[in-house]
């Protein structure tokens, strides 16, 4: 997006549309909206997510129902464009006539396309700030922390340490989704992830994140990772739902942790090893095998030396089996 630039022209168009609300100019509101069916409107109400021509027809009445405003003051505004696309973000402080002692902040995002030489709105999103503490029970500061860190000229704390990283992946997930339908398959994947999380956390690990139909987790030791992998494979075979077959890859070494995620070569290698596993297999790196040593009940078989995408050299990878 090297062509992105501030757009005074687009900001003027955005202000004209916003100012048409308190000044009761329904035709201007309507004329600045695209006539295409991909028009979208997101309001502040629970069910205000609309699409298509009905938005143009009803926009005047929608904003006309807003009570008289005693105050409508812009507190922030910016706009950018890139070729035939543009966007504007604006904040306004409002005071309604029937609530003169209370002020509100309304935040508006407008997305534009250039149609026959004129900017037209294709997407409008309005929001009222609401405390995360009231809504979800905690303040969500991840982005705010990153912004503050960038403004203050330092990066967030990153820690390095030792961990075993495990990746799981559902075999033939696209086919299962096609057979079951997206809605049922999404629900099944959610149940699958919940079951994996319970096994991982019970084994002392951390469920780091889901990745499409797969997962990434970390463990303080390779033994913990292997026991969790064994439990996950057993649970997938005993599931009451559709037959989910997994492949699992594990590698162990020094990782970099930032917030609740992990980075580095160890993570990349674990992901690559998972792709080598056949359906129903657990594959582990040679480093993981060496750290476990001679462990009763474990067998490392079908050892192969293979290149791994993005990593130098050849890498020994073993299939993990349990023997009674």
Protein backbone atom coordinates (compact mmCIF):
# COMPACT_ATOMS: atom_id res chain seq x y z
CA UNK A 1 0.00 0.00 0.00
CA UNK A 2 2.81 2.38 -0.89
CA UNK A 3 0.30 4.71 -2.59
CA UNK A 4 -1.58 5.54 0.62
CA UNK A 5 -1.69 9.28 1.30
CA UNK A 6 -3.68 11.73 3.45
CA UNK A 7 -6.73 12.99 1.57
CA UNK A 8 -8.07 16.48 2.35
CA UNK A 9 -10.61 15.98 -0.44
CA UNK A 10 -11.98 12.80 1.10
CA UNK A 11 -12.03 14.37 4.56
CA UNK A 12 -14.18 17.19 3.17
CA UNK A 13 -16.60 14.64 1.69
CA UNK A 14 -16.75 12.73 4.99
CA UNK A 15 -17.45 15.95 6.91
CA UNK A 16 -20.20 16.86 4.46
CA UNK A 17 -21.90 13.52 5.07
CA UNK A 18 -21.55 13.73 8.87
CA UNK A 19 -22.77 17.35 8.96
CA UNK A 20 -25.87 16.37 6.98
CA UNK A 21 -27.13 14.48 10.05
CA UNK A 22 -27.68 17.36 12.53
CA UNK A 23 -28.58 19.72 9.67
CA UNK A 24 -31.35 17.37 8.46
CA UNK A 25 -30.24 17.01 4.84
CA UNK A 26 -31.53 13.54 3.87
CA UNK A 27 -30.88 13.96 0.14
CA UNK A 28 -27.20 14.64 0.77
CA UNK A 29 -26.97 11.58 3.02
CA UNK A 30 -28.55 9.47 0.29
CA UNK A 31 -26.57 10.88 -2.63
CA UNK A 32 -23.20 10.21 -1.02
CA UNK A 33 -23.97 6.48 -0.70
CA UNK A 34 -23.13 4.05 -3.48
CA UNK A 35 -25.99 2.59 -5.47
CA UNK A 36 -24.30 -0.81 -5.62
CA UNK A 37 -25.72 -3.75 -3.61
CA UNK A 38 -22.46 -4.17 -1.69
CA UNK A 39 -23.30 -1.10 0.43
CA UNK A 40 -23.06 -1.93 4.15
CA UNK A 41 -24.24 -0.02 7.23
CA UNK A 42 -23.26 -0.89 10.82
CA UNK A 43 -25.02 1.16 13.48
CA UNK A 44 -24.72 1.35 17.24
CA UNK A 45 -27.84 -0.74 17.91
CA UNK A 46 -27.71 -4.49 18.51
CA UNK A 47 -29.41 -5.41 15.22
CA UNK A 48 -28.13 -2.56 13.05
CA UNK A 49 -26.19 -4.49 10.42
CA UNK A 50 -27.74 -3.87 7.02
CA UNK A 51 -26.89 -4.28 3.35
CA UNK A 52 -28.12 -3.12 -0.02
CA UNK A 53 -30.49 -0.57 -1.52
CA UNK A 54 -32.73 -0.34 1.55
CA UNK A 55 -30.01 1.67 3.28
CA UNK A 56 -30.23 4.44 0.69
CA UNK A 57 -34.01 4.48 0.90
CA UNK A 58 -34.14 4.63 4.68
CA UNK A 59 -31.07 6.66 5.59
CA UNK A 60 -32.93 9.98 5.84
CA UNK A 61 -35.61 8.62 8.17
CA UNK A 62 -33.00 6.72 10.20
CA UNK A 63 -30.97 9.80 11.07
CA UNK A 64 -34.07 12.00 11.09
CA UNK A 65 -35.28 10.11 14.16
CA UNK A 66 -32.31 11.37 16.20
CA UNK A 67 -33.50 14.04 18.68
CA UNK A 68 -32.36 17.62 18.33
CA UNK A 69 -28.68 18.09 19.09
CA UNK A 70 -27.51 20.87 21.39
CA UNK A 71 -23.90 20.04 20.56
CA UNK A 72 -22.24 18.25 17.64
CA UNK A 73 -18.52 18.90 17.87
CA UNK A 74 -15.76 17.18 15.93
CA UNK A 75 -12.96 15.98 18.23
CA UNK A 76 -10.95 13.89 15.77
CA UNK A 77 -10.87 13.43 12.00
CA UNK A 78 -8.54 11.91 9.39
CA UNK A 79 -8.89 10.51 5.89
CA UNK A 80 -6.65 8.58 3.50
CA UNK A 81 -6.86 7.34 -0.06
CA UNK A 82 -5.09 4.78 -2.22
CA UNK A 83 -5.95 4.83 -5.92
CA UNK A 84 -9.73 4.38 -6.07
CA UNK A 85 -10.28 3.49 -2.43
CA UNK A 86 -10.44 5.73 0.62
CA UNK A 87 -11.39 5.73 4.27
CA UNK A 88 -12.13 8.27 6.98
CA UNK A 89 -12.27 8.01 10.76
CA UNK A 90 -14.02 10.67 12.84
CA UNK A 91 -15.11 11.28 16.44
CA UNK A 92 -17.79 13.71 17.60
CA UNK A 93 -19.07 14.81 20.98
CA UNK A 94 -22.86 15.00 21.12
CA UNK A 95 -25.34 16.51 23.57
CA UNK A 96 -29.00 15.65 22.98
CA UNK A 97 -31.75 18.16 23.73
CA UNK A 98 -33.67 15.73 25.94
CA UNK A 99 -30.49 14.91 27.95
CA UNK A 100 -28.74 18.30 28.20
CA UNK A 101 -26.60 17.26 31.18
CA UNK A 102 -25.05 14.26 29.45
CA UNK A 103 -22.60 14.09 26.55
CA UNK A 104 -21.90 11.16 24.23
CA UNK A 105 -19.00 10.30 21.95
CA UNK A 106 -19.83 8.79 18.56
CA UNK A 107 -17.08 7.24 16.45
CA UNK A 108 -17.63 6.85 12.71
CA UNK A 109 -15.66 5.01 10.05
CA UNK A 110 -16.50 5.56 6.40
CA UNK A 111 -15.06 3.54 3.51
CA UNK A 112 -15.25 5.02 0.02
CA UNK A 113 -14.75 4.01 -3.58
CA UNK A 114 -14.26 6.36 -6.50
CA UNK A 115 -17.22 5.97 -8.87
CA UNK A 116 -17.29 8.00 -12.09
CA UNK A 117 -14.97 10.57 -10.54
CA UNK A 118 -16.97 10.98 -7.31
CA UNK A 119 -16.32 9.49 -3.87
CA UNK A 120 -19.16 7.23 -2.72
CA UNK A 121 -19.59 5.56 0.67
CA UNK A 122 -19.65 1.75 0.50
CA UNK A 123 -19.42 1.04 4.23
CA UNK A 124 -20.36 3.03 7.32
CA UNK A 125 -19.64 1.90 10.88
CA UNK A 126 -20.73 3.87 13.94
CA UNK A 127 -19.90 3.00 17.54
CA UNK A 128 -20.37 4.35 21.04
CA UNK A 129 -17.42 3.76 23.41
CA UNK A 130 -18.30 1.27 26.14
CA UNK A 131 -16.11 0.23 29.05
CA UNK A 132 -14.48 -3.17 28.54
CA UNK A 133 -14.46 -3.50 32.31
CA UNK A 134 -18.26 -3.35 32.33
CA UNK A 135 -18.65 -5.47 29.20
CA UNK A 136 -16.17 -8.35 29.59
CA UNK A 137 -15.04 -7.88 33.19
CA UNK A 138 -11.50 -6.75 32.40
CA UNK A 139 -9.65 -4.01 30.60
CA UNK A 140 -8.33 -5.18 27.21
CA UNK A 141 -5.01 -3.37 26.95
CA UNK A 142 -3.02 -5.38 24.38
CA UNK A 143 -3.28 -2.86 21.54
CA UNK A 144 -3.10 0.13 23.88
CA UNK A 145 0.12 -1.26 25.37
CA UNK A 146 1.66 -1.70 21.91
CA UNK A 147 0.68 1.82 20.88
CA UNK A 148 2.06 3.28 24.10
CA UNK A 149 5.27 1.30 23.69
CA UNK A 150 5.75 2.58 20.15
CA UNK A 151 5.07 6.15 21.22
CA UNK A 152 7.54 5.86 24.11
CA UNK A 153 10.27 4.39 21.91
CA UNK A 154 10.63 0.94 23.49
CA UNK A 155 9.30 -2.53 22.73
CA UNK A 156 7.26 -4.73 25.01
CA UNK A 157 9.16 -7.20 27.15
CA UNK A 158 10.14 -10.38 25.39
CA UNK A 159 11.35 -13.39 27.35
CA UNK A 160 13.38 -16.34 26.17
CA UNK A 161 13.28 -19.78 27.68
CA UNK A 162 13.07 -23.51 27.18
CA UNK A 163 9.88 -25.19 25.94
CA UNK A 164 8.48 -28.06 23.96
CA UNK A 165 6.20 -26.80 21.21
CA UNK A 166 3.41 -28.99 19.85
CA UNK A 167 1.31 -28.48 16.72
CA UNK A 168 -1.83 -30.48 15.92
CA UNK A 169 -3.70 -30.56 12.63
CA UNK A 170 -6.93 -32.22 11.52
CA UNK A 171 -6.41 -34.48 8.51
CA UNK A 172 -8.74 -33.94 5.55
CA UNK A 173 -10.62 -31.14 7.30
CA UNK A 174 -11.83 -29.60 4.03
CA UNK A 175 -13.58 -32.84 3.10
CA UNK A 176 -15.23 -33.09 6.52
CA UNK A 177 -16.42 -29.49 6.28
CA UNK A 178 -17.89 -30.21 2.85
CA UNK A 179 -19.77 -33.29 4.10
CA UNK A 180 -21.04 -31.74 7.35
CA UNK A 181 -21.61 -28.18 6.19
CA UNK A 182 -19.78 -25.13 7.51
CA UNK A 183 -22.04 -24.49 10.50
CA UNK A 184 -21.93 -28.02 11.93
CA UNK A 185 -18.24 -28.38 11.16
CA UNK A 186 -17.40 -25.10 12.92
CA UNK A 187 -19.26 -26.31 16.01
CA UNK A 188 -17.42 -29.64 15.89
CA UNK A 189 -14.03 -27.92 15.59
CA UNK A 190 -14.90 -25.71 18.57
CA UNK A 191 -15.70 -28.83 20.65
CA UNK A 192 -12.48 -30.43 19.46
CA UNK A 193 -10.42 -27.41 20.50
CA UNK A 194 -12.11 -27.33 23.92
CA UNK A 195 -11.23 -30.99 24.48
CA UNK A 196 -7.61 -30.37 23.45
CA UNK A 197 -7.35 -27.38 25.76
CA UNK A 198 -8.49 -29.48 28.73
CA UNK A 199 -5.91 -32.18 28.00
CA UNK A 200 -3.10 -29.68 27.39
CA UNK A 201 -3.77 -27.66 30.53
CA UNK A 202 -4.26 -30.77 32.67
CA UNK A 203 -0.81 -31.88 31.51
CA UNK A 204 0.81 -28.61 32.59
CA UNK A 205 0.88 -27.07 29.12
CA UNK A 206 -0.44 -23.85 27.63
CA UNK A 207 -2.93 -23.77 24.77
CA UNK A 208 -1.30 -20.96 22.80
CA UNK A 209 -3.69 -20.53 19.87
CA UNK A 210 -5.81 -22.18 17.21
CA UNK A 211 -4.67 -22.05 13.60
CA UNK A 212 -7.55 -22.79 11.27
CA UNK A 213 -8.22 -26.46 12.03
CA UNK A 214 -5.00 -26.89 14.01
CA UNK A 215 -3.53 -25.77 17.31
CA UNK A 216 -0.25 -24.67 18.85
CA UNK A 217 0.65 -25.34 22.48
CA UNK A 218 3.71 -25.18 24.71
CA UNK A 219 4.98 -27.35 27.56
CA UNK A 220 7.75 -26.93 30.14
CA UNK A 221 9.25 -30.34 29.28
CA UNK A 222 9.21 -32.83 26.39
CA UNK A 223 7.74 -35.50 28.66
CA UNK A 224 4.70 -33.33 29.36
CA UNK A 225 4.27 -32.64 25.65
CA UNK A 226 4.41 -36.32 24.70
CA UNK A 227 1.93 -37.35 27.38
CA UNK A 228 -0.47 -34.65 26.21
CA UNK A 229 -0.05 -35.78 22.60
CA UNK A 230 -0.85 -39.33 23.65
CA UNK A 231 -3.97 -38.16 25.48
CA UNK A 232 -5.09 -36.07 22.52
CA UNK A 233 -4.74 -38.98 20.11
CA UNK A 234 -6.69 -41.26 22.45
CA UNK A 235 -9.46 -38.69 22.92
CA UNK A 236 -9.82 -38.14 19.17
CA UNK A 237 -10.31 -41.88 18.63
CA UNK A 238 -12.93 -42.09 21.38
CA UNK A 239 -14.95 -39.04 20.32
CA UNK A 240 -18.72 -39.44 19.89
CA UNK A 241 -18.67 -37.02 16.96
CA UNK A 242 -17.33 -37.50 13.44
CA UNK A 243 -14.07 -39.40 13.08
CA UNK A 244 -11.38 -36.75 13.50
CA UNK A 245 -7.89 -37.95 12.59
CA UNK A 246 -4.93 -35.86 13.68
CA UNK A 247 -1.28 -35.40 12.87
CA UNK A 248 0.99 -34.00 15.59
CA UNK A 249 4.52 -32.56 15.56
CA UNK A 250 6.75 -31.70 18.55
CA UNK A 251 10.11 -29.95 18.84
CA UNK A 252 12.00 -28.74 21.90
CA UNK A 253 14.44 -25.90 22.48
CA UNK A 254 14.84 -22.23 23.28
CA UNK A 255 11.90 -20.02 22.32
CA UNK A 256 11.02 -16.35 22.56
CA UNK A 257 7.78 -15.53 24.36
CA UNK A 258 5.93 -12.25 23.94
CA UNK A 259 2.65 -11.87 25.79
CA UNK A 260 0.89 -15.22 25.25
CA UNK A 261 2.57 -16.26 22.01
CA UNK A 262 5.85 -17.97 21.12
CA UNK A 263 8.28 -17.26 18.29
CA UNK A 264 11.54 -18.48 16.84
CA UNK A 265 13.14 -21.36 14.98
CA UNK A 266 11.89 -23.95 17.47
CA UNK A 267 8.29 -22.94 16.74
CA UNK A 268 8.85 -23.03 12.98
CA UNK A 269 10.51 -26.44 13.16
CA UNK A 270 7.69 -27.94 15.25
CA UNK A 271 5.17 -26.72 12.67
CA UNK A 272 7.18 -28.25 9.81
CA UNK A 273 7.48 -31.58 11.65
CA UNK A 274 3.70 -31.73 12.08
CA UNK A 275 3.26 -31.55 8.30
CA UNK A 276 5.48 -34.65 7.91
CA UNK A 277 3.32 -36.83 10.15
CA UNK A 278 0.98 -39.29 8.49
CA UNK A 279 -2.66 -39.42 9.62
CA UNK A 280 -2.81 -40.64 13.21
CA UNK A 281 0.94 -40.14 13.77
CA UNK A 282 3.00 -38.17 16.28
CA UNK A 283 6.36 -37.04 14.91
CA UNK A 284 9.10 -35.58 17.11
CA UNK A 285 12.46 -33.95 16.54
CA UNK A 286 15.75 -35.58 17.41
CA UNK A 287 16.31 -32.91 20.08
CA UNK A 288 13.09 -33.98 21.78
CA UNK A 289 14.11 -37.64 21.60
CA UNK A 290 17.54 -36.97 23.10
CA UNK A 291 16.11 -34.98 26.00
CA UNK A 292 13.79 -37.84 26.89
CA UNK A 293 16.60 -40.40 26.84
CA UNK A 294 15.66 -43.99 27.58
CA UNK A 295 12.08 -43.75 28.76
CA UNK A 296 10.12 -46.89 29.51
CA UNK A 297 7.20 -47.45 27.19
CA UNK A 298 8.40 -45.07 24.49
CA UNK A 299 9.77 -46.08 21.12
CA UNK A 300 11.13 -43.82 18.39
CA UNK A 301 10.76 -45.51 15.02
CA UNK A 302 10.77 -44.80 11.30
CA UNK A 303 13.60 -42.28 11.69
CA UNK A 304 14.15 -40.13 8.60
CA UNK A 305 16.58 -37.36 7.71
CA UNK A 306 14.71 -34.69 5.79
CA UNK A 307 14.99 -31.04 4.74
CA UNK A 308 12.47 -28.73 6.39
CA UNK A 309 11.13 -25.71 4.55
CA UNK A 310 12.79 -22.49 5.66
CA UNK A 311 15.45 -24.28 7.75
CA UNK A 312 19.01 -25.15 6.77
CA UNK A 313 20.35 -28.67 6.44
CA UNK A 314 18.83 -32.09 7.10
CA UNK A 315 16.81 -32.86 10.23
CA UNK A 316 16.23 -36.18 11.98
CA UNK A 317 12.55 -36.81 12.66
CA UNK A 318 11.11 -39.82 14.52
CA UNK A 319 7.70 -41.43 14.80
CA UNK A 320 6.63 -41.76 18.42
CA UNK A 321 5.03 -44.98 19.62
CA UNK A 322 4.01 -46.34 23.00
CA UNK A 323 4.75 -49.91 23.93
CA UNK A 324 3.21 -51.70 26.85
